[in-house]
PDB file of all heavy atoms in Angstrom:
ATOM      1  N   PRO A   1      24.383-124.783  24.179  1.00  0.00           N
ATOM      2  CA  PRO A   1      23.610-125.932  24.481  1.00  0.00           C
ATOM      3  C   PRO A   1      22.301-125.674  25.197  1.00  0.00           C
ATOM      4  O   PRO A   1      22.073-124.565  25.713  1.00  0.00           O
ATOM      5  CB  PRO A   1      24.575-126.753  25.354  1.00  0.00           C
ATOM      6  CG  PRO A   1      25.385-125.710  26.067  1.00  0.00           C
ATOM      7  CD  PRO A   1      25.531-124.600  25.044  1.00  0.00           C
ATOM      8  N   ILE A   2      21.406-126.664  25.240  1.00  0.00           N
ATOM      9  CA  ILE A   2      20.217-126.556  26.021  1.00  0.00           C
ATOM     10  C   ILE A   2      20.558-126.446  27.508  1.00  0.00           C
ATOM     11  O   ILE A   2      21.329-127.239  28.039  1.00  0.00           O
ATOM     12  CB  ILE A   2      19.304-127.761  25.796  1.00  0.00           C
ATOM     13  CG1 ILE A   2      18.862-127.835  24.323  1.00  0.00           C
ATOM     14  CG2 ILE A   2      18.098-127.745  26.714  1.00  0.00           C
ATOM     15  CD1 ILE A   2      18.123-129.103  23.958  1.00  0.00           C
ATOM     16  N   PRO A   3      20.054-125.449  28.208  1.00  0.00           N
ATOM     17  CA  PRO A   3      20.336-125.324  29.647  1.00  0.00           C
ATOM     18  C   PRO A   3      19.883-126.498  30.417  1.00  0.00           C
ATOM     19  O   PRO A   3      18.934-127.194  30.054  1.00  0.00           O
ATOM     20  CB  PRO A   3      19.565-124.063  30.069  1.00  0.00           C
ATOM     21  CG  PRO A   3      19.242-123.339  28.775  1.00  0.00           C
ATOM     22  CD  PRO A   3      19.106-124.377  27.751  1.00  0.00           C
ATOM     23  N   ASN A   4      20.599-126.834  31.527  1.00  0.00           N
ATOM     24  CA  ASN A   4      20.149-127.912  32.370  1.00  0.00           C
ATOM     25  C   ASN A   4      18.851-127.544  33.088  1.00  0.00           C
ATOM     26  O   ASN A   4      18.410-126.395  33.076  1.00  0.00           O
ATOM     27  CB  ASN A   4      21.264-128.364  33.334  1.00  0.00           C
ATOM     28  CG  ASN A   4      21.659-127.224  34.297  1.00  0.00           C
ATOM     29  OD1 ASN A   4      20.874-126.483  34.818  1.00  0.00           O
ATOM     30  ND2 ASN A   4      22.933-127.100  34.470  1.00  0.00           N
ATOM     31  N   LYS A   5      18.272-128.519  33.810  1.00  0.00           N
ATOM     32  CA  LYS A   5      16.950-128.353  34.380  1.00  0.00           C
ATOM     33  C   LYS A   5      16.916-127.215  35.467  1.00  0.00           C
ATOM     34  O   LYS A   5      15.994-126.381  35.454  1.00  0.00           O
ATOM     35  CB  LYS A   5      16.514-129.604  35.092  1.00  0.00           C
ATOM     36  CG  LYS A   5      14.998-129.592  35.480  1.00  0.00           C
ATOM     37  CD  LYS A   5      14.634-130.887  36.216  1.00  0.00           C
ATOM     38  CE  LYS A   5      14.864-132.101  35.445  1.00  0.00           C
ATOM     39  NZ  LYS A   5      14.500-133.363  36.152  1.00  0.00           N
ATOM     40  N   SER A   6      17.899-127.069  36.281  1.00  0.00           N
ATOM     41  CA  SER A   6      17.936-126.024  37.288  1.00  0.00           C
ATOM     42  C   SER A   6      18.056-124.645  36.623  1.00  0.00           C
ATOM     43  O   SER A   6      17.394-123.625  37.037  1.00  0.00           O
ATOM     44  CB  SER A   6      19.067-126.278  38.281  1.00  0.00           C
ATOM     45  OG  SER A   6      20.313-126.329  37.613  1.00  0.00           O
ATOM     46  N   LYS A   7      18.891-124.602  35.530  1.00  0.00           N
ATOM     47  CA  LYS A   7      18.962-123.364  34.827  1.00  0.00           C
ATOM     48  C   LYS A   7      17.726-122.984  34.070  1.00  0.00           C
ATOM     49  O   LYS A   7      17.307-121.811  34.004  1.00  0.00           O
ATOM     50  CB  LYS A   7      20.159-123.404  33.874  1.00  0.00           C
ATOM     51  CG  LYS A   7      20.446-122.155  33.042  1.00  0.00           C
ATOM     52  CD  LYS A   7      20.702-120.935  33.939  1.00  0.00           C
ATOM     53  CE  LYS A   7      22.026-121.036  34.644  1.00  0.00           C
ATOM     54  NZ  LYS A   7      22.383-119.832  35.416  1.00  0.00           N
ATOM     55  N   ARG A   8      17.065-123.995  33.536  1.00  0.00           N
ATOM     56  CA  ARG A   8      15.787-123.731  32.875  1.00  0.00           C
ATOM     57  C   ARG A   8      14.757-123.169  33.870  1.00  0.00           C
ATOM     58  O   ARG A   8      13.973-122.266  33.539  1.00  0.00           O
ATOM     59  CB  ARG A   8      15.252-125.034  32.263  1.00  0.00           C
ATOM     60  CG  ARG A   8      16.055-125.555  31.080  1.00  0.00           C
ATOM     61  CD  ARG A   8      15.356-126.533  30.203  1.00  0.00           C
ATOM     62  NE  ARG A   8      14.903-127.743  30.881  1.00  0.00           N
ATOM     63  CZ  ARG A   8      15.590-128.852  30.960  1.00  0.00           C
ATOM     64  NH1 ARG A   8      16.805-128.924  30.421  1.00  0.00           N
ATOM     65  NH2 ARG A   8      15.088-129.909  31.564  1.00  0.00           N
ATOM     66  N   ALA A   9      14.735-123.694  35.055  1.00  0.00           N
ATOM     67  CA  ALA A   9      13.785-123.223  36.059  1.00  0.00           C
ATOM     68  C   ALA A   9      14.089-121.791  36.425  1.00  0.00           C
ATOM     69  O   ALA A   9      13.195-120.950  36.575  1.00  0.00           O
ATOM     70  CB  ALA A   9      13.859-124.052  37.288  1.00  0.00           C
ATOM     71  N   GLU A  10      15.408-121.415  36.487  1.00  0.00           N
ATOM     72  CA  GLU A  10      15.780-120.054  36.802  1.00  0.00           C
ATOM     73  C   GLU A  10      15.366-119.106  35.651  1.00  0.00           C
ATOM     74  O   GLU A  10      14.854-117.983  35.906  1.00  0.00           O
ATOM     75  CB  GLU A  10      17.304-120.013  36.954  1.00  0.00           C
ATOM     76  CG  GLU A  10      17.834-118.607  37.373  1.00  0.00           C
ATOM     77  CD  GLU A  10      19.353-118.663  37.509  1.00  0.00           C
ATOM     78  OE1 GLU A  10      19.942-119.706  37.805  1.00  0.00           O
ATOM     79  OE2 GLU A  10      19.952-117.598  37.284  1.00  0.00           O
ATOM     80  N   ILE A  11      15.504-119.554  34.362  1.00  0.00           N
ATOM     81  CA  ILE A  11      15.152-118.739  33.223  1.00  0.00           C
ATOM     82  C   ILE A  11      13.598-118.510  33.249  1.00  0.00           C
ATOM     83  O   ILE A  11      13.134-117.398  33.048  1.00  0.00           O
ATOM     84  CB  ILE A  11      15.562-119.442  31.929  1.00  0.00           C
ATOM     85  CG1 ILE A  11      17.120-119.346  31.796  1.00  0.00           C
ATOM     86  CG2 ILE A  11      14.944-118.779  30.723  1.00  0.00           C
ATOM     87  CD1 ILE A  11      17.626-120.195  30.659  1.00  0.00           C
ATOM     88  N   ILE A  12      12.833-119.599  33.503  1.00  0.00           N
ATOM     89  CA  ILE A  12      11.403-119.463  33.473  1.00  0.00           C
ATOM     90  C   ILE A  12      10.929-118.486  34.531  1.00  0.00           C
ATOM     91  O   ILE A  12      10.064-117.680  34.342  1.00  0.00           O
ATOM     92  CB  ILE A  12      10.747-120.862  33.658  1.00  0.00           C
ATOM     93  CG1 ILE A  12      11.084-121.722  32.448  1.00  0.00           C
ATOM     94  CG2 ILE A  12       9.246-120.757  33.931  1.00  0.00           C
ATOM     95  CD1 ILE A  12      10.729-123.209  32.614  1.00  0.00           C
ATOM     96  N   LYS A  13      11.559-118.565  35.721  1.00  0.00           N
ATOM     97  CA  LYS A  13      11.181-117.732  36.859  1.00  0.00           C
ATOM     98  C   LYS A  13      11.490-116.221  36.487  1.00  0.00           C
ATOM     99  O   LYS A  13      10.655-115.371  36.723  1.00  0.00           O
ATOM    100  CB  LYS A  13      11.891-118.108  38.083  1.00  0.00           C
ATOM    101  CG  LYS A  13      11.488-117.313  39.300  1.00  0.00           C
ATOM    102  CD  LYS A  13      12.218-117.839  40.587  1.00  0.00           C
ATOM    103  CE  LYS A  13      11.731-117.106  41.817  1.00  0.00           C
ATOM    104  NZ  LYS A  13      12.347-117.651  43.064  1.00  0.00           N
ATOM    105  N   ASN A  14      12.640-115.972  35.856  1.00  0.00           N
ATOM    106  CA  ASN A  14      13.014-114.629  35.552  1.00  0.00           C
ATOM    107  C   ASN A  14      12.246-113.992  34.415  1.00  0.00           C
ATOM    108  O   ASN A  14      12.041-112.787  34.447  1.00  0.00           O
ATOM    109  CB  ASN A  14      14.534-114.618  35.203  1.00  0.00           C
ATOM    110  CG  ASN A  14      15.400-114.911  36.339  1.00  0.00           C
ATOM    111  OD1 ASN A  14      15.011-114.795  37.505  1.00  0.00           O
ATOM    112  ND2 ASN A  14      16.670-115.324  36.124  1.00  0.00           N
ATOM    113  N   TYR A  15      11.818-114.815  33.507  1.00  0.00           N
ATOM    114  CA  TYR A  15      11.076-114.283  32.325  1.00  0.00           C
ATOM    115  C   TYR A  15       9.594-114.324  32.394  1.00  0.00           C
ATOM    116  O   TYR A  15       8.934-113.819  31.532  1.00  0.00           O
ATOM    117  CB  TYR A  15      11.586-115.057  31.061  1.00  0.00           C
ATOM    118  CG  TYR A  15      12.932-114.634  30.518  1.00  0.00           C
ATOM    119  CD1 TYR A  15      14.058-115.138  31.173  1.00  0.00           C
ATOM    120  CD2 TYR A  15      13.094-113.834  29.412  1.00  0.00           C
ATOM    121  CE1 TYR A  15      15.338-114.780  30.753  1.00  0.00           C
ATOM    122  CE2 TYR A  15      14.337-113.522  28.938  1.00  0.00           C
ATOM    123  CZ  TYR A  15      15.497-113.996  29.613  1.00  0.00           C
ATOM    124  OH  TYR A  15      16.695-113.650  29.167  1.00  0.00           O
ATOM    125  N   SER A  16       9.074-114.934  33.444  1.00  0.00           N
ATOM    126  CA  SER A  16       7.590-115.056  33.553  1.00  0.00           C
ATOM    127  C   SER A  16       6.899-113.923  34.332  1.00  0.00           C
ATOM    128  O   SER A  16       5.694-113.995  34.559  1.00  0.00           O
ATOM    129  CB  SER A  16       7.253-116.434  34.093  1.00  0.00           C
ATOM    130  OG  SER A  16       7.820-116.633  35.368  1.00  0.00           O
ATOM    131  N   ASN A  17       7.650-113.009  34.830  1.00  0.00           N
ATOM    132  CA  ASN A  17       7.058-111.849  35.554  1.00  0.00           C
ATOM    133  C   ASN A  17       6.120-112.227  36.657  1.00  0.00           C
ATOM    134  O   ASN A  17       4.976-111.684  36.731  1.00  0.00           O
ATOM    135  CB  ASN A  17       6.347-110.943  34.549  1.00  0.00           C
ATOM    136  CG  ASN A  17       7.302-110.200  33.641  1.00  0.00           C
ATOM    137  OD1 ASN A  17       8.541-110.214  33.865  1.00  0.00           O
ATOM    138  ND2 ASN A  17       6.838-109.616  32.570  1.00  0.00           N
ATOM    139  N   ASP A  18       6.477-113.206  37.465  1.00  0.00           N
ATOM    140  CA  ASP A  18       5.689-113.634  38.652  1.00  0.00           C
ATOM    141  C   ASP A  18       4.305-114.141  38.289  1.00  0.00           C
ATOM    142  O   ASP A  18       3.347-114.155  39.145  1.00  0.00           O
ATOM    143  CB  ASP A  18       5.527-112.472  39.654  1.00  0.00           C
ATOM    144  CG  ASP A  18       6.860-112.024  40.222  1.00  0.00           C
ATOM    145  OD1 ASP A  18       7.726-112.892  40.466  1.00  0.00           O
ATOM    146  OD2 ASP A  18       7.023-110.798  40.427  1.00  0.00           O
ATOM    147  N   LEU A  19       4.069-114.602  37.075  1.00  0.00           N
ATOM    148  CA  LEU A  19       2.810-115.176  36.691  1.00  0.00           C
ATOM    149  C   LEU A  19       2.683-116.650  37.116  1.00  0.00           C
ATOM    150  O   LEU A  19       1.607-117.205  37.092  1.00  0.00           O
ATOM    151  CB  LEU A  19       2.607-115.080  35.160  1.00  0.00           C
ATOM    152  CG  LEU A  19       2.461-113.696  34.583  1.00  0.00           C
ATOM    153  CD1 LEU A  19       2.401-113.756  33.057  1.00  0.00           C
ATOM    154  CD2 LEU A  19       1.279-112.985  35.130  1.00  0.00           C
ATOM    155  N   LEU A  20       3.791-117.297  37.479  1.00  0.00           N
ATOM    156  CA  LEU A  20       3.839-118.687  37.778  1.00  0.00           C
ATOM    157  C   LEU A  20       4.241-118.953  39.273  1.00  0.00           C
ATOM    158  O   LEU A  20       5.126-118.260  39.789  1.00  0.00           O
ATOM    159  CB  LEU A  20       4.818-119.452  36.852  1.00  0.00           C
ATOM    160  CG  LEU A  20       4.471-119.330  35.340  1.00  0.00           C
ATOM    161  CD1 LEU A  20       5.643-119.932  34.566  1.00  0.00           C
ATOM    162  CD2 LEU A  20       3.205-119.991  35.043  1.00  0.00           C
ATOM    163  N   ASP A  21       3.599-119.956  39.831  1.00  0.00           N
ATOM    164  CA  ASP A  21       4.071-120.369  41.151  1.00  0.00           C
ATOM    165  C   ASP A  21       5.191-121.374  41.055  1.00  0.00           C
ATOM    166  O   ASP A  21       5.547-121.790  39.924  1.00  0.00           O
ATOM    167  CB  ASP A  21       2.867-120.960  42.000  1.00  0.00           C
ATOM    168  CG  ASP A  21       2.204-122.104  41.241  1.00  0.00           C
ATOM    169  OD1 ASP A  21       2.916-122.887  40.497  1.00  0.00           O
ATOM    170  OD2 ASP A  21       0.951-122.280  41.333  1.00  0.00           O
ATOM    171  N   GLU A  22       5.767-121.746  42.153  1.00  0.00           N
ATOM    172  CA  GLU A  22       6.975-122.586  42.144  1.00  0.00           C
ATOM    173  C   GLU A  22       6.698-123.985  41.541  1.00  0.00           C
ATOM    174  O   GLU A  22       7.524-124.532  40.798  1.00  0.00           O
ATOM    175  CB  GLU A  22       7.497-122.799  43.627  1.00  0.00           C
ATOM    176  CG  GLU A  22       8.132-121.566  44.226  1.00  0.00           C
ATOM    177  CD  GLU A  22       9.370-121.083  43.431  1.00  0.00           C
ATOM    178  OE1 GLU A  22      10.075-121.968  42.912  1.00  0.00           O
ATOM    179  OE2 GLU A  22       9.557-119.885  43.321  1.00  0.00           O
ATOM    180  N   GLN A  23       5.510-124.546  41.797  1.00  0.00           N
ATOM    181  CA  GLN A  23       5.157-125.842  41.248  1.00  0.00           C
ATOM    182  C   GLN A  23       5.038-125.750  39.754  1.00  0.00           C
ATOM    183  O   GLN A  23       5.540-126.647  39.039  1.00  0.00           O
ATOM    184  CB  GLN A  23       3.882-126.376  41.855  1.00  0.00           C
ATOM    185  CG  GLN A  23       3.448-127.754  41.363  1.00  0.00           C
ATOM    186  CD  GLN A  23       4.439-128.857  41.629  1.00  0.00           C
ATOM    187  OE1 GLN A  23       5.256-128.720  42.571  1.00  0.00           O
ATOM    188  NE2 GLN A  23       4.335-129.985  40.906  1.00  0.00           N
ATOM    189  N   SER A  24       4.452-124.690  39.246  1.00  0.00           N
ATOM    190  CA  SER A  24       4.315-124.528  37.789  1.00  0.00           C
ATOM    191  C   SER A  24       5.647-124.365  37.130  1.00  0.00           C
ATOM    192  O   SER A  24       5.909-124.905  36.024  1.00  0.00           O
ATOM    193  CB  SER A  24       3.438-123.316  37.467  1.00  0.00           C
ATOM    194  OG  SER A  24       2.113-123.475  37.992  1.00  0.00           O
ATOM    195  N   ILE A  25       6.570-123.633  37.762  1.00  0.00           N
ATOM    196  CA  ILE A  25       7.900-123.473  37.240  1.00  0.00           C
ATOM    197  C   ILE A  25       8.663-124.832  37.193  1.00  0.00           C
ATOM    198  O   ILE A  25       9.300-125.132  36.181  1.00  0.00           O
ATOM    199  CB  ILE A  25       8.727-122.463  38.092  1.00  0.00           C
ATOM    200  CG1 ILE A  25       8.131-121.054  37.933  1.00  0.00           C
ATOM    201  CG2 ILE A  25      10.187-122.480  37.718  1.00  0.00           C
ATOM    202  CD1 ILE A  25       8.663-120.057  38.871  1.00  0.00           C
ATOM    203  N   LYS A  26       8.446-125.606  38.227  1.00  0.00           N
ATOM    204  CA  LYS A  26       9.122-126.907  38.296  1.00  0.00           C
ATOM    205  C   LYS A  26       8.607-127.845  37.168  1.00  0.00           C
ATOM    206  O   LYS A  26       9.390-128.558  36.536  1.00  0.00           O
ATOM    207  CB  LYS A  26       8.788-127.559  39.664  1.00  0.00           C
ATOM    208  CG  LYS A  26       9.536-128.833  39.905  1.00  0.00           C
ATOM    209  CD  LYS A  26       9.282-129.387  41.311  1.00  0.00           C
ATOM    210  CE  LYS A  26      10.008-130.679  41.597  1.00  0.00           C
ATOM    211  NZ  LYS A  26       9.774-131.199  42.969  1.00  0.00           N
ATOM    212  N   VAL A  27       7.306-127.790  36.934  1.00  0.00           N
ATOM    213  CA  VAL A  27       6.689-128.589  35.861  1.00  0.00           C
ATOM    214  C   VAL A  27       7.218-128.180  34.480  1.00  0.00           C
ATOM    215  O   VAL A  27       7.644-129.015  33.619  1.00  0.00           O
ATOM    216  CB  VAL A  27       5.159-128.538  35.874  1.00  0.00           C
ATOM    217  CG1 VAL A  27       4.545-129.161  34.620  1.00  0.00           C
ATOM    218  CG2 VAL A  27       4.636-129.223  37.092  1.00  0.00           C
ATOM    219  N   LEU A  28       7.231-126.870  34.207  1.00  0.00           N
ATOM    220  CA  LEU A  28       7.708-126.363  32.963  1.00  0.00           C
ATOM    221  C   LEU A  28       9.181-126.650  32.671  1.00  0.00           C
ATOM    222  O   LEU A  28       9.629-126.889  31.586  1.00  0.00           O
ATOM    223  CB  LEU A  28       7.467-124.816  32.832  1.00  0.00           C
ATOM    224  CG  LEU A  28       6.000-124.397  32.739  1.00  0.00           C
ATOM    225  CD1 LEU A  28       5.913-122.872  32.759  1.00  0.00           C
ATOM    226  CD2 LEU A  28       5.255-125.043  31.622  1.00  0.00           C
ATOM    227  N   ALA A  29       9.980-126.632  33.753  1.00  0.00           N
ATOM    228  CA  ALA A  29      11.410-126.869  33.625  1.00  0.00           C
ATOM    229  C   ALA A  29      11.745-128.308  33.215  1.00  0.00           C
ATOM    230  O   ALA A  29      12.840-128.572  32.696  1.00  0.00           O
ATOM    231  CB  ALA A  29      12.127-126.521  34.929  1.00  0.00           C
ATOM    232  N   GLU A  30      10.795-129.186  33.318  1.00  0.00           N
ATOM    233  CA  GLU A  30      10.996-130.600  32.924  1.00  0.00           C
ATOM    234  C   GLU A  30      11.108-130.639  31.367  1.00  0.00           C
ATOM    235  O   GLU A  30      11.695-131.623  30.847  1.00  0.00           O
ATOM    236  CB  GLU A  30       9.839-131.440  33.320  1.00  0.00           C
ATOM    237  CG  GLU A  30       9.726-131.680  34.872  1.00  0.00           C
ATOM    238  CD  GLU A  30      10.810-132.577  35.399  1.00  0.00           C
ATOM    239  OE1 GLU A  30      11.256-133.480  34.623  1.00  0.00           O
ATOM    240  OE2 GLU A  30      11.267-132.336  36.543  1.00  0.00           O
TER     241      GLU A  30
END
């Protein structure tokens, strides 16, 4: 299934190699 929002944020953070700040990760996880 599609991961929930908190899991999506975790995935984005792990796969983005520190290119994104916390606010950007939060926006993308939506």
